Amino acid sequence: MTNIDTRSGFSVHSPIRVGIVGTGFAAKLRAETLQADARSNLVAVAGHSPDKTAAFCQGFGAEAAVSWRKLVERDDLDLVIVCTVNRDHGAIVLAALENDKHVVVEYPLSLDVSEAERAIELAAQKQKLLHIEHIELLGGLHQAIKESLPLVGKVFYARYVTIAPQRSVPQRWTYQHSLFGFPLVGAISRLHRFTDLFGEVTSVNCQTQFWETQPDFYKACLCNAQLGFANGLVAEAVYGKGETFWQSENIFTIYGEEGTLVFTPESGQLIQGENRHNIKVGTRRGLFAKDTDMVLEFLLDGTPLYVNNVSSLYALKVADAARRSSEIRQNVALSNL
């Protein structure tokens, strides 16, 4: 994100003019933050449902755009925030950049690696901010893990399991192949934690199961990806959701030569023989607001952000390698990602 003219057109007396694509949970949290901050002005919103979009706009005093394409073309916007289905992220980001807008997009940047690369290249050419949200890196869990790693010496194995049961899965986009994408791409935060903590991945082996209800819908999925790292560490990411699961689980376990770390979203433990030490885990609340605030600070003051596009793209490439591995049912070797 170097060579971005962050101050151009912005001042205390002219708030950053923002448009949002989407009307869901993340869009609402973004809008609340923007509305409460004098440095920003939510101008327009584009959504999938006209009725929902109208209600959303009424609640935040914004104008309803006919479509996201019309929104990104507006001359009265400085920044576009993309909070819609994963399938459309890449196309909207590219269109917004082509129309000389700064862009924030919820992860993943795109379901297609080459499209993601084009977007990052275009942002650099246009000298515009392209910020890919990865709030898991801001959260108390990830920060506690990073601070605790030195306590266990050389890490040789890590396992991250997230299982989310769902009774009577509705036909939501998050259970639709074409809109959510491959599970570990759509839920890329699982793999991004690993690459942020442990660095370069050399190999990926991934197995998946889907419980289909219609050609493009499933009622449950399970992904198990084994990652080999350049430093010799082996990691396992297990991600499952839907009706076939009856017990939720969210555990990150790290095995080191001098101890074991066990984390849940609420707490952590350092285990060394009979000794067990509790580790405080900070809150998960307010991360979308914090991310939005950091974007405004970057645009106005050049304050560095917490994640860069190189690391985000790398995580996407690892997730895409998991997709390819599951399709060919073979180990995928990675080099020069």
C-alpha atoms as a PDB file:
ATOM      1  CA  MET A   1       0.000   0.000   0.000  1.00  0.00           C
ATOM      2  CA  THR A   2       2.892   2.293  -0.659  1.00  0.00           C
ATOM      3  CA  ASN A   3       2.656   5.281  -2.970  1.00  0.00           C
ATOM      4  CA  ILE A   4      -1.000   5.897  -2.073  1.00  0.00           C
ATOM      5  CA  ASP A   5      -1.931   9.543  -1.863  1.00  0.00           C
ATOM      6  CA  THR A   6      -4.003   9.125   1.298  1.00  0.00           C
ATOM      7  CA  ARG A   7      -4.576  12.801   2.003  1.00  0.00           C
ATOM      8  CA  SER A   8      -5.778  13.824  -1.451  1.00  0.00           C
ATOM      9  CA  GLY A   9      -9.249  15.370  -1.206  1.00  0.00           C
ATOM     10  CA  PHE A  10      -9.677  14.607   2.502  1.00  0.00           C
ATOM     11  CA  SER A  11      -9.708  17.020   5.388  1.00  0.00           C
ATOM     12  CA  VAL A  12     -11.430  17.543   8.703  1.00  0.00           C
ATOM     13  CA  HIS A  13     -13.931  19.786   6.937  1.00  0.00           C
ATOM     14  CA  SER A  14     -14.736  17.331   4.116  1.00  0.00           C
ATOM     15  CA  PRO A  15     -15.604  13.883   5.494  1.00  0.00           C
ATOM     16  CA  ILE A  16     -14.733  10.771   3.499  1.00  0.00           C
ATOM     17  CA  ARG A  17     -17.769   9.946   1.375  1.00  0.00           C
ATOM     18  CA  VAL A  18     -18.596   6.250   1.554  1.00  0.00           C
ATOM     19  CA  GLY A  19     -20.751   3.801  -0.360  1.00  0.00           C
ATOM     20  CA  ILE A  20     -21.540   0.291   0.894  1.00  0.00           C
ATOM     21  CA  VAL A  21     -22.405  -2.753  -1.203  1.00  0.00           C
ATOM     22  CA  GLY A  22     -24.465  -5.084   0.972  1.00  0.00           C
ATOM     23  CA  THR A  23     -27.045  -4.842   3.735  1.00  0.00           C
ATOM     24  CA  GLY A  24     -26.114  -7.785   5.982  1.00  0.00           C
ATOM     25  CA  PHE A  25     -24.413  -8.116   9.354  1.00  0.00           C
ATOM     26  CA  ALA A  26     -21.010  -6.712   8.362  1.00  0.00           C
ATOM     27  CA  ALA A  27     -22.584  -3.866   6.359  1.00  0.00           C
ATOM     28  CA  LYS A  28     -24.693  -2.861   9.374  1.00  0.00           C
ATOM     29  CA  LEU A  29     -21.670  -2.757  11.684  1.00  0.00           C
ATOM     30  CA  ARG A  30     -19.717  -0.730   9.137  1.00  0.00           C
ATOM     31  CA  ALA A  31     -22.617   1.692   8.684  1.00  0.00           C
ATOM     32  CA  GLU A  32     -23.006   2.186  12.438  1.00  0.00           C
ATOM     33  CA  THR A  33     -19.323   3.060  12.750  1.00  0.00           C
ATOM     34  CA  LEU A  34     -19.374   5.426   9.783  1.00  0.00           C
ATOM     35  CA  GLN A  35     -22.509   7.153  11.052  1.00  0.00           C
ATOM     36  CA  ALA A  36     -20.965   7.760  14.467  1.00  0.00           C
ATOM     37  CA  ASP A  37     -17.675   9.141  13.077  1.00  0.00           C
ATOM     38  CA  ALA A  38     -17.482  12.785  11.990  1.00  0.00           C
ATOM     39  CA  ARG A  39     -14.644  11.880   9.603  1.00  0.00           C
ATOM     40  CA  SER A  40     -16.990   9.903   7.355  1.00  0.00           C
ATOM     41  CA  ASN A  41     -20.333  10.236   5.622  1.00  0.00           C
ATOM     42  CA  LEU A  42     -22.327   7.229   4.416  1.00  0.00           C
ATOM     43  CA  VAL A  43     -23.772   8.472   1.134  1.00  0.00           C
ATOM     44  CA  ALA A  44     -25.229   5.468  -0.682  1.00  0.00           C
ATOM     45  CA  VAL A  45     -25.935   1.758  -0.323  1.00  0.00           C
ATOM     46  CA  ALA A  46     -26.552  -0.969  -2.917  1.00  0.00           C
ATOM     47  CA  GLY A  47     -28.189  -4.219  -1.856  1.00  0.00           C
ATOM     48  CA  HIS A  48     -29.646  -7.391  -3.320  1.00  0.00           C
ATOM     49  CA  SER A  49     -33.239  -6.799  -2.166  1.00  0.00           C
ATOM     50  CA  PRO A  50     -34.865  -3.407  -2.907  1.00  0.00           C
ATOM     51  CA  ASP A  51     -37.019  -3.614   0.225  1.00  0.00           C
ATOM     52  CA  LYS A  52     -34.124  -4.485   2.520  1.00  0.00           C
ATOM     53  CA  THR A  53     -31.955  -1.837   0.900  1.00  0.00           C
ATOM     54  CA  ALA A  54     -34.622   0.830   1.358  1.00  0.00           C
ATOM     55  CA  ALA A  55     -35.033  -0.079   5.030  1.00  0.00           C
ATOM     56  CA  PHE A  56     -31.268  -0.111   5.559  1.00  0.00           C
ATOM     57  CA  CYS A  57     -30.882   3.308   3.926  1.00  0.00           C
ATOM     58  CA  GLN A  58     -33.743   4.764   5.925  1.00  0.00           C
ATOM     59  CA  GLY A  59     -32.078   3.633   9.129  1.00  0.00           C
ATOM     60  CA  PHE A  60     -28.757   5.260   8.238  1.00  0.00           C
ATOM     61  CA  GLY A  61     -29.883   8.283   6.244  1.00  0.00           C
ATOM     62  CA  ALA A  62     -28.287   7.052   3.016  1.00  0.00           C
ATOM     63  CA  GLU A  63     -29.453   6.932  -0.584  1.00  0.00           C
ATOM     64  CA  ALA A  64     -30.375   3.601  -2.187  1.00  0.00           C
ATOM     65  CA  ALA A  65     -28.386   2.893  -5.342  1.00  0.00           C
ATOM     66  CA  VAL A  66     -30.046   0.966  -8.164  1.00  0.00           C
ATOM     67  CA  SER A  67     -27.142  -1.501  -8.348  1.00  0.00           C
ATOM     68  CA  TRP A  68     -23.556  -1.899  -7.224  1.00  0.00           C
ATOM     69  CA  ARG A  69     -22.439  -0.979 -10.724  1.00  0.00           C
ATOM     70  CA  LYS A  70     -24.246   2.347 -10.469  1.00  0.00           C
ATOM     71  CA  LEU A  71     -22.871   2.883  -6.977  1.00  0.00           C
ATOM     72  CA  VAL A  72     -19.201   2.511  -7.928  1.00  0.00           C
ATOM     73  CA  GLU A  73     -19.690   4.937 -10.837  1.00  0.00           C
ATOM     74  CA  ARG A  74     -20.886   7.767  -8.604  1.00  0.00           C
ATOM     75  CA  ASP A  75     -18.720  10.884  -8.501  1.00  0.00           C
ATOM     76  CA  ASP A  76     -19.731  11.700  -4.935  1.00  0.00           C
ATOM     77  CA  LEU A  77     -17.949   8.721  -3.348  1.00  0.00           C
ATOM     78  CA  ASP A  78     -14.356   8.418  -2.175  1.00  0.00           C
ATOM     79  CA  LEU A  79     -14.516   4.944  -0.646  1.00  0.00           C
ATOM     80  CA  VAL A  80     -16.511   1.784  -1.452  1.00  0.00           C
ATOM     81  CA  ILE A  81     -16.948  -0.944   1.166  1.00  0.00           C
ATOM     82  CA  VAL A  82     -17.873  -4.374  -0.218  1.00  0.00           C
ATOM     83  CA  CYS A  83     -19.948  -6.521   2.175  1.00  0.00           C
ATOM     84  CA  THR A  84     -21.863  -8.816  -0.159  1.00  0.00           C
ATOM     85  CA  VAL A  85     -21.696 -12.474  -1.263  1.00  0.00           C
ATOM     86  CA  ASN A  86     -18.182 -13.822  -1.843  1.00  0.00           C
ATOM     87  CA  ARG A  87     -18.770 -14.557  -5.534  1.00  0.00           C
ATOM     88  CA  ASP A  88     -19.131 -10.863  -6.373  1.00  0.00           C
ATOM     89  CA  HIS A  89     -16.222  -9.453  -4.365  1.00  0.00           C
ATOM     90  CA  GLY A  90     -13.625  -9.481  -7.134  1.00  0.00           C
ATOM     91  CA  ALA A  91     -15.863  -7.944  -9.811  1.00  0.00           C
ATOM     92  CA  ILE A  92     -17.048  -5.139  -7.527  1.00  0.00           C
ATOM     93  CA  VAL A  93     -13.526  -4.356  -6.307  1.00  0.00           C
ATOM     94  CA  LEU A  94     -12.179  -4.142  -9.861  1.00  0.00           C
ATOM     95  CA  ALA A  95     -15.070  -1.908 -10.970  1.00  0.00           C
ATOM     96  CA  ALA A  96     -14.643   0.384  -7.974  1.00  0.00           C
ATOM     97  CA  LEU A  97     -10.916   0.729  -8.569  1.00  0.00           C
ATOM     98  CA  GLU A  98     -11.484   1.389 -12.263  1.00  0.00           C
ATOM     99  CA  ASN A  99     -13.751   4.230 -11.160  1.00  0.00           C
ATOM    100  CA  ASP A 100     -10.965   5.638  -8.971  1.00  0.00           C
ATOM    101  CA  LYS A 101     -12.371   4.683  -5.581  1.00  0.00           C
ATOM    102  CA  HIS A 102     -10.555   3.502  -2.489  1.00  0.00           C
ATOM    103  CA  VAL A 103     -11.874   0.050  -1.564  1.00  0.00           C
ATOM    104  CA  VAL A 104     -12.452  -2.055   1.536  1.00  0.00           C
ATOM    105  CA  VAL A 105     -13.636  -5.641   0.978  1.00  0.00           C
ATOM    106  CA  GLU A 106     -14.543  -8.370   3.437  1.00  0.00           C
ATOM    107  CA  TYR A 107     -12.467 -11.523   2.946  1.00  0.00           C
ATOM    108  CA  PRO A 108     -11.954 -13.198   0.557  1.00  0.00           C
ATOM    109  CA  LEU A 109     -10.853 -10.608  -1.999  1.00  0.00           C
ATOM    110  CA  SER A 110     -12.009 -12.975  -4.735  1.00  0.00           C
ATOM    111  CA  LEU A 111     -12.863 -16.629  -5.279  1.00  0.00           C
ATOM    112  CA  ASP A 112     -10.356 -16.584  -8.145  1.00  0.00           C
ATOM    113  CA  VAL A 113      -6.648 -16.047  -7.509  1.00  0.00           C
ATOM    114  CA  SER A 114      -5.942 -14.414 -10.869  1.00  0.00           C
ATOM    115  CA  GLU A 115      -8.796 -11.940 -10.341  1.00  0.00           C
ATOM    116  CA  ALA A 116      -7.415 -11.117  -6.896  1.00  0.00           C
ATOM    117  CA  GLU A 117      -3.982 -10.494  -8.401  1.00  0.00           C
ATOM    118  CA  ARG A 118      -5.483  -8.157 -11.016  1.00  0.00           C
ATOM    119  CA  ALA A 119      -7.273  -6.181  -8.313  1.00  0.00           C
ATOM    120  CA  ILE A 120      -4.107  -5.732  -6.259  1.00  0.00           C
ATOM    121  CA  GLU A 121      -2.151  -4.674  -9.352  1.00  0.00           C
ATOM    122  CA  LEU A 122      -4.881  -2.203 -10.356  1.00  0.00           C
ATOM    123  CA  ALA A 123      -4.953  -0.655  -6.879  1.00  0.00           C
ATOM    124  CA  ALA A 124      -1.202  -0.090  -7.105  1.00  0.00           C
ATOM    125  CA  GLN A 125      -1.515   1.441 -10.575  1.00  0.00           C
ATOM    126  CA  LYS A 126      -4.325   3.743  -9.470  1.00  0.00           C
ATOM    127  CA  GLN A 127      -2.573   4.583  -6.182  1.00  0.00           C
ATOM    128  CA  LYS A 128      -5.748   3.679  -4.322  1.00  0.00           C
ATOM    129  CA  LEU A 129      -6.251   1.836  -1.063  1.00  0.00           C
ATOM    130  CA  LEU A 130      -7.355  -1.775  -1.405  1.00  0.00           C
ATOM    131  CA  HIS A 131      -7.876  -3.113   2.110  1.00  0.00           C
ATOM    132  CA  ILE A 132      -8.935  -6.727   2.555  1.00  0.00           C
ATOM    133  CA  GLU A 133     -10.575  -7.173   5.945  1.00  0.00           C
ATOM    134  CA  HIS A 134      -9.035  -9.902   8.082  1.00  0.00           C
ATOM    135  CA  ILE A 135     -10.354  -9.029  11.513  1.00  0.00           C
ATOM    136  CA  GLU A 136      -9.305 -12.420  12.899  1.00  0.00           C
ATOM    137  CA  LEU A 137      -5.775 -10.982  12.994  1.00  0.00           C
ATOM    138  CA  LEU A 138      -7.001  -8.082  15.154  1.00  0.00           C
ATOM    139  CA  GLY A 139      -8.872 -10.249  17.642  1.00  0.00           C
ATOM    140  CA  GLY A 140      -7.852 -11.170  21.147  1.00  0.00           C
ATOM    141  CA  LEU A 141      -7.463 -14.866  20.284  1.00  0.00           C
ATOM    142  CA  HIS A 142      -4.879 -14.321  17.567  1.00  0.00           C
ATOM    143  CA  GLN A 143      -2.969 -11.731  19.559  1.00  0.00           C
ATOM    144  CA  ALA A 144      -2.829 -14.070  22.589  1.00  0.00           C
ATOM    145  CA  ILE A 145      -1.552 -16.923  20.411  1.00  0.00           C
ATOM    146  CA  LYS A 146       1.211 -14.778  18.896  1.00  0.00           C
ATOM    147  CA  GLU A 147       2.328 -13.508  22.296  1.00  0.00           C
ATOM    148  CA  SER A 148       2.355 -17.042  23.744  1.00  0.00           C
ATOM    149  CA  LEU A 149       4.277 -18.868  21.005  1.00  0.00           C
ATOM    150  CA  PRO A 150       7.751 -18.254  22.519  1.00  0.00           C
ATOM    151  CA  LEU A 151       6.615 -20.062  25.686  1.00  0.00           C
ATOM    152  CA  VAL A 152       6.525 -23.485  24.009  1.00  0.00           C
ATOM    153  CA  GLY A 153       9.804 -23.404  22.087  1.00  0.00           C
ATOM    154  CA  LYS A 154       9.989 -24.846  18.586  1.00  0.00           C
ATOM    155  CA  VAL A 155       6.493 -25.619  17.310  1.00  0.00           C
ATOM    156  CA  PHE A 156       6.177 -28.874  15.359  1.00  0.00           C
ATOM    157  CA  TYR A 157       2.411 -29.418  15.109  1.00  0.00           C
ATOM    158  CA  ALA A 158      -0.712 -27.232  15.236  1.00  0.00           C
ATOM    159  CA  ARG A 159      -4.371 -28.064  14.858  1.00  0.00           C
ATOM    160  CA  TYR A 160      -7.289 -25.641  14.418  1.00  0.00           C
ATOM    161  CA  VAL A 161     -10.787 -27.117  14.586  1.00  0.00           C
ATOM    162  CA  THR A 162     -13.963 -25.082  14.008  1.00  0.00           C
ATOM    163  CA  ILE A 163     -17.238 -26.998  13.871  1.00  0.00           C
ATOM    164  CA  ALA A 164     -20.563 -25.127  13.718  1.00  0.00           C
ATOM    165  CA  PRO A 165     -23.754 -27.229  13.940  1.00  0.00           C
ATOM    166  CA  GLN A 166     -26.821 -25.797  12.233  1.00  0.00           C
ATOM    167  CA  ARG A 167     -30.265 -27.339  12.563  1.00  0.00           C
ATOM    168  CA  SER A 168     -32.522 -27.095   9.499  1.00  0.00           C
ATOM    169  CA  VAL A 169     -30.096 -25.233   7.262  1.00  0.00           C
ATOM    170  CA  PRO A 170     -31.978 -22.654   5.188  1.00  0.00           C
ATOM    171  CA  GLN A 171     -31.062 -21.962   1.579  1.00  0.00           C
ATOM    172  CA  ARG A 172     -28.567 -19.290   2.544  1.00  0.00           C
ATOM    173  CA  TRP A 173     -25.732 -18.168   0.312  1.00  0.00           C
ATOM    174  CA  THR A 174     -23.201 -19.447   2.844  1.00  0.00           C
ATOM    175  CA  TYR A 175     -24.327 -22.997   1.979  1.00  0.00           C
ATOM    176  CA  GLN A 176     -24.253 -22.409  -1.772  1.00  0.00           C
ATOM    177  CA  HIS A 177     -21.167 -23.480  -3.746  1.00  0.00           C
ATOM    178  CA  SER A 178     -21.397 -20.723  -6.358  1.00  0.00           C
ATOM    179  CA  LEU A 179     -21.849 -17.854  -3.893  1.00  0.00           C
ATOM    180  CA  PHE A 180     -19.695 -18.865  -0.906  1.00  0.00           C
ATOM    181  CA  GLY A 181     -16.936 -20.636  -2.833  1.00  0.00           C
ATOM    182  CA  PHE A 182     -14.799 -23.548  -1.688  1.00  0.00           C
ATOM    183  CA  PRO A 183     -15.257 -23.704   2.114  1.00  0.00           C
ATOM    184  CA  LEU A 184     -11.639 -22.897   3.015  1.00  0.00           C
ATOM    185  CA  VAL A 185     -11.626 -20.006   0.537  1.00  0.00           C
ATOM    186  CA  GLY A 186     -14.904 -18.587   1.828  1.00  0.00           C
ATOM    187  CA  ALA A 187     -13.668 -19.146   5.392  1.00  0.00           C
ATOM    188  CA  ILE A 188     -10.095 -18.154   4.595  1.00  0.00           C
ATOM    189  CA  SER A 189      -9.473 -16.817   8.088  1.00  0.00           C
ATOM    190  CA  ARG A 190      -8.724 -20.382   9.238  1.00  0.00           C
ATOM    191  CA  LEU A 191      -5.741 -20.684   6.928  1.00  0.00           C
ATOM    192  CA  HIS A 192      -4.678 -17.056   7.264  1.00  0.00           C
ATOM    193  CA  ARG A 193      -4.138 -17.618  10.980  1.00  0.00           C
ATOM    194  CA  PHE A 194      -1.647 -20.373  10.116  1.00  0.00           C
ATOM    195  CA  THR A 195       0.266 -18.430   7.456  1.00  0.00           C
ATOM    196  CA  ASP A 196       0.460 -15.346   9.689  1.00  0.00           C
ATOM    197  CA  LEU A 197       1.800 -17.418  12.581  1.00  0.00           C
ATOM    198  CA  PHE A 198       4.070 -19.896  10.801  1.00  0.00           C
ATOM    199  CA  GLY A 199       5.032 -18.482   7.392  1.00  0.00           C
ATOM    200  CA  GLU A 200       5.642 -20.283   4.113  1.00  0.00           C
ATOM    201  CA  VAL A 201       3.592 -23.337   3.154  1.00  0.00           C
ATOM    202  CA  THR A 202       5.271 -26.019   1.037  1.00  0.00           C
ATOM    203  CA  SER A 203       2.456 -28.547   0.603  1.00  0.00           C
ATOM    204  CA  VAL A 204      -1.305 -28.932   1.029  1.00  0.00           C
ATOM    205  CA  ASN A 205      -3.414 -32.061   1.225  1.00  0.00           C
ATOM    206  CA  CYS A 206      -7.153 -31.536   1.627  1.00  0.00           C
ATOM    207  CA  GLN A 207     -10.177 -33.812   1.862  1.00  0.00           C
ATOM    208  CA  THR A 208     -13.789 -32.596   1.711  1.00  0.00           C
ATOM    209  CA  GLN A 209     -17.262 -33.996   2.188  1.00  0.00           C
ATOM    210  CA  PHE A 210     -20.516 -32.328   1.178  1.00  0.00           C
ATOM    211  CA  TRP A 211     -24.035 -33.378   2.066  1.00  0.00           C
ATOM    212  CA  GLU A 212     -25.887 -32.073  -0.980  1.00  0.00           C
ATOM    213  CA  THR A 213     -29.575 -31.123  -1.016  1.00  0.00           C
ATOM    214  CA  GLN A 214     -29.667 -29.555  -4.503  1.00  0.00           C
ATOM    215  CA  PRO A 215     -27.050 -29.169  -7.247  1.00  0.00           C
ATOM    216  CA  ASP A 216     -25.782 -25.866  -5.829  1.00  0.00           C
ATOM    217  CA  PHE A 217     -26.755 -26.262  -2.149  1.00  0.00           C
ATOM    218  CA  TYR A 218     -25.574 -28.454   0.688  1.00  0.00           C
ATOM    219  CA  LYS A 219     -26.859 -28.971   4.216  1.00  0.00           C
ATOM    220  CA  ALA A 220     -23.394 -29.633   5.619  1.00  0.00           C
ATOM    221  CA  CYS A 221     -19.725 -29.677   4.682  1.00  0.00           C
ATOM    222  CA  LEU A 222     -16.471 -30.878   6.203  1.00  0.00           C
ATOM    223  CA  CYS A 223     -12.949 -29.863   5.150  1.00  0.00           C
ATOM    224  CA  ASN A 224      -9.736 -31.273   6.547  1.00  0.00           C
ATOM    225  CA  ALA A 225      -6.549 -29.656   5.239  1.00  0.00           C
ATOM    226  CA  GLN A 226      -3.026 -30.691   6.202  1.00  0.00           C
ATOM    227  CA  LEU A 227      -0.378 -28.030   5.638  1.00  0.00           C
ATOM    228  CA  GLY A 228       3.357 -28.599   5.485  1.00  0.00           C
ATOM    229  CA  PHE A 229       5.483 -25.543   6.292  1.00  0.00           C
ATOM    230  CA  ALA A 230       8.974 -24.628   5.178  1.00  0.00           C
ATOM    231  CA  ASN A 231      10.120 -24.584   8.810  1.00  0.00           C
ATOM    232  CA  GLY A 232       9.121 -28.249   9.228  1.00  0.00           C
ATOM    233  CA  LEU A 233       5.883 -27.625  11.108  1.00  0.00           C
ATOM    234  CA  VAL A 234       2.792 -29.655  10.215  1.00  0.00           C
ATOM    235  CA  ALA A 235      -0.625 -28.045  10.681  1.00  0.00           C
ATOM    236  CA  GLU A 236      -4.163 -29.305  10.350  1.00  0.00           C
ATOM    237  CA  ALA A 237      -7.235 -27.152   9.697  1.00  0.00           C
ATOM    238  CA  VAL A 238     -10.643 -28.753  10.241  1.00  0.00           C
ATOM    239  CA  TYR A 239     -13.709 -26.753   9.200  1.00  0.00           C
ATOM    240  CA  GLY A 240     -17.237 -28.078   9.323  1.00  0.00           C
ATOM    241  CA  LYS A 241     -20.742 -26.637   9.456  1.00  0.00           C
ATOM    242  CA  GLY A 242     -24.327 -27.715   9.008  1.00  0.00           C
ATOM    243  CA  GLU A 243     -26.885 -30.315   9.944  1.00  0.00           C
ATOM    244  CA  THR A 244     -24.650 -33.386  10.238  1.00  0.00           C
ATOM    245  CA  PHE A 245     -22.838 -31.942  13.261  1.00  0.00           C
ATOM    246  CA  TRP A 246     -24.271 -32.168  16.769  1.00  0.00           C
ATOM    247  CA  GLN A 247     -21.521 -30.615  18.861  1.00  0.00           C
ATOM    248  CA  SER A 248     -19.811 -27.287  18.294  1.00  0.00           C
ATOM    249  CA  GLU A 249     -16.050 -26.995  18.620  1.00  0.00           C
ATOM    250  CA  ASN A 250     -13.572 -24.150  18.342  1.00  0.00           C
ATOM    251  CA  ILE A 251     -10.112 -25.158  19.549  1.00  0.00           C
ATOM    252  CA  PHE A 252      -6.641 -24.075  18.448  1.00  0.00           C
ATOM    253  CA  THR A 253      -3.907 -26.397  19.775  1.00  0.00           C
ATOM    254  CA  ILE A 254      -0.197 -25.752  19.303  1.00  0.00           C
ATOM    255  CA  TYR A 255       2.414 -28.382  20.195  1.00  0.00           C
ATOM    256  CA  GLY A 256       5.920 -27.147  20.939  1.00  0.00           C
ATOM    257  CA  GLU A 257       9.017 -28.901  22.221  1.00  0.00           C
ATOM    258  CA  GLU A 258       8.709 -27.044  25.538  1.00  0.00           C
ATOM    259  CA  GLY A 259       4.948 -27.104  26.061  1.00  0.00           C
ATOM    260  CA  THR A 260       1.465 -27.121  24.544  1.00  0.00           C
ATOM    261  CA  LEU A 261      -0.922 -24.207  24.018  1.00  0.00           C
ATOM    262  CA  VAL A 262      -4.672 -24.794  23.946  1.00  0.00           C
ATOM    263  CA  PHE A 263      -6.963 -21.919  22.998  1.00  0.00           C
ATOM    264  CA  THR A 264     -10.690 -21.373  22.672  1.00  0.00           C
ATOM    265  CA  PRO A 265     -12.157 -17.996  21.640  1.00  0.00           C
ATOM    266  CA  GLU A 266     -12.620 -17.181  25.335  1.00  0.00           C
ATOM    267  CA  SER A 267      -9.476 -18.491  27.055  1.00  0.00           C
ATOM    268  CA  GLY A 268      -6.106 -20.191  26.714  1.00  0.00           C
ATOM    269  CA  GLN A 269      -3.843 -22.557  28.627  1.00  0.00           C
ATOM    270  CA  LEU A 270      -0.124 -23.236  28.636  1.00  0.00           C
ATOM    271  CA  ILE A 271       0.488 -26.892  29.535  1.00  0.00           C
ATOM    272  CA  GLN A 272       3.948 -28.029  30.633  1.00  0.00           C
ATOM    273  CA  GLY A 273       3.753 -31.416  32.343  1.00  0.00           C
ATOM    274  CA  GLU A 274       1.649 -31.083  35.476  1.00  0.00           C
ATOM    275  CA  ASN A 275       1.794 -27.301  35.282  1.00  0.00           C
ATOM    276  CA  ARG A 276      -1.094 -25.456  33.690  1.00  0.00           C
ATOM    277  CA  HIS A 277      -1.140 -21.687  33.336  1.00  0.00           C
ATOM    278  CA  ASN A 278      -4.192 -19.733  32.227  1.00  0.00           C
ATOM    279  CA  ILE A 279      -3.757 -17.223  29.393  1.00  0.00           C
ATOM    280  CA  LYS A 280      -6.086 -14.279  29.028  1.00  0.00           C
ATOM    281  CA  VAL A 281      -7.777 -13.870  25.648  1.00  0.00           C
ATOM    282  CA  GLY A 282      -9.024 -10.411  24.701  1.00  0.00           C
ATOM    283  CA  THR A 283     -12.456  -9.636  23.361  1.00  0.00           C
ATOM    284  CA  ARG A 284     -13.821 -10.344  19.906  1.00  0.00           C
ATOM    285  CA  ARG A 285     -16.268  -7.467  20.154  1.00  0.00           C
ATOM    286  CA  GLY A 286     -16.000  -4.335  18.083  1.00  0.00           C
ATOM    287  CA  LEU A 287     -13.567  -5.641  15.473  1.00  0.00           C
ATOM    288  CA  PHE A 288     -15.489  -4.405  12.427  1.00  0.00           C
ATOM    289  CA  ALA A 289     -15.674  -0.969  14.050  1.00  0.00           C
ATOM    290  CA  LYS A 290     -11.949  -1.090  14.800  1.00  0.00           C
ATOM    291  CA  ASP A 291     -11.167  -2.143  11.231  1.00  0.00           C
ATOM    292  CA  THR A 292     -13.318   0.698   9.850  1.00  0.00           C
ATOM    293  CA  ASP A 293     -11.679   3.215  12.170  1.00  0.00           C
ATOM    294  CA  MET A 294      -8.215   2.070  11.068  1.00  0.00           C
ATOM    295  CA  VAL A 295      -9.183   2.526   7.408  1.00  0.00           C
ATOM    296  CA  LEU A 296     -10.265   6.121   8.088  1.00  0.00           C
ATOM    297  CA  GLU A 297      -7.029   6.787   9.967  1.00  0.00           C
ATOM    298  CA  PHE A 298      -5.001   5.396   7.088  1.00  0.00           C
ATOM    299  CA  LEU A 299      -6.792   7.509   4.501  1.00  0.00           C
ATOM    300  CA  LEU A 300      -6.575  10.691   6.552  1.00  0.00           C
ATOM    301  CA  ASP A 301      -3.242  10.323   8.325  1.00  0.00           C
ATOM    302  CA  GLY A 302      -1.405   7.467   6.632  1.00  0.00           C
ATOM    303  CA  THR A 303      -1.449   5.374   9.828  1.00  0.00           C
ATOM    304  CA  PRO A 304      -0.364   1.838   8.847  1.00  0.00           C
ATOM    305  CA  LEU A 305      -3.000  -0.890   8.673  1.00  0.00           C
ATOM    306  CA  TYR A 306      -2.714  -4.249  10.433  1.00  0.00           C
ATOM    307  CA  VAL A 307      -2.657  -6.437   7.304  1.00  0.00           C
ATOM    308  CA  ASN A 308      -1.154  -6.075   3.834  1.00  0.00           C
ATOM    309  CA  ASN A 309      -2.265  -7.382   0.460  1.00  0.00           C
ATOM    310  CA  VAL A 310       0.780  -9.611   0.035  1.00  0.00           C
ATOM    311  CA  SER A 311      -0.110 -11.704   3.093  1.00  0.00           C
ATOM    312  CA  SER A 312      -3.798 -11.729   2.205  1.00  0.00           C
ATOM    313  CA  LEU A 313      -3.105 -12.915  -1.343  1.00  0.00           C
ATOM    314  CA  TYR A 314      -0.734 -15.571  -0.033  1.00  0.00           C
ATOM    315  CA  ALA A 315      -3.428 -16.977   2.254  1.00  0.00           C
ATOM    316  CA  LEU A 316      -5.827 -17.039  -0.699  1.00  0.00           C
ATOM    317  CA  LYS A 317      -3.326 -18.989  -2.764  1.00  0.00           C
ATOM    318  CA  VAL A 318      -2.920 -21.549   0.015  1.00  0.00           C
ATOM    319  CA  ALA A 319      -6.709 -21.871   0.288  1.00  0.00           C
ATOM    320  CA  ASP A 320      -6.972 -22.325  -3.471  1.00  0.00           C
ATOM    321  CA  ALA A 321      -4.300 -25.030  -3.289  1.00  0.00           C
ATOM    322  CA  ALA A 322      -6.531 -26.790  -0.743  1.00  0.00           C
ATOM    323  CA  ARG A 323      -9.389 -26.592  -3.229  1.00  0.00           C
ATOM    324  CA  ARG A 324      -7.259 -28.104  -5.996  1.00  0.00           C
ATOM    325  CA  SER A 325      -6.008 -30.831  -3.675  1.00  0.00           C
ATOM    326  CA  SER A 326      -9.551 -31.833  -2.740  1.00  0.00           C
ATOM    327  CA  GLU A 327     -10.555 -31.997  -6.404  1.00  0.00           C
ATOM    328  CA  ILE A 328      -7.649 -34.138  -7.605  1.00  0.00           C
ATOM    329  CA  ARG A 329      -7.414 -36.036  -4.289  1.00  0.00           C
ATOM    330  CA  GLN A 330      -3.683 -35.591  -4.175  1.00  0.00           C
ATOM    331  CA  ASN A 331      -1.080 -33.626  -2.318  1.00  0.00           C
ATOM    332  CA  VAL A 332      -0.346 -30.236  -3.930  1.00  0.00           C
ATOM    333  CA  ALA A 333       3.217 -28.979  -3.697  1.00  0.00           C
ATOM    334  CA  LEU A 334       3.595 -25.216  -3.439  1.00  0.00           C
ATOM    335  CA  SER A 335       6.456 -23.127  -4.699  1.00  0.00           C
ATOM    336  CA  ASN A 336       6.899 -19.439  -5.453  1.00  0.00           C
ATOM    337  CA  LEU A 337       3.386 -18.496  -4.394  1.00  0.00           C
END
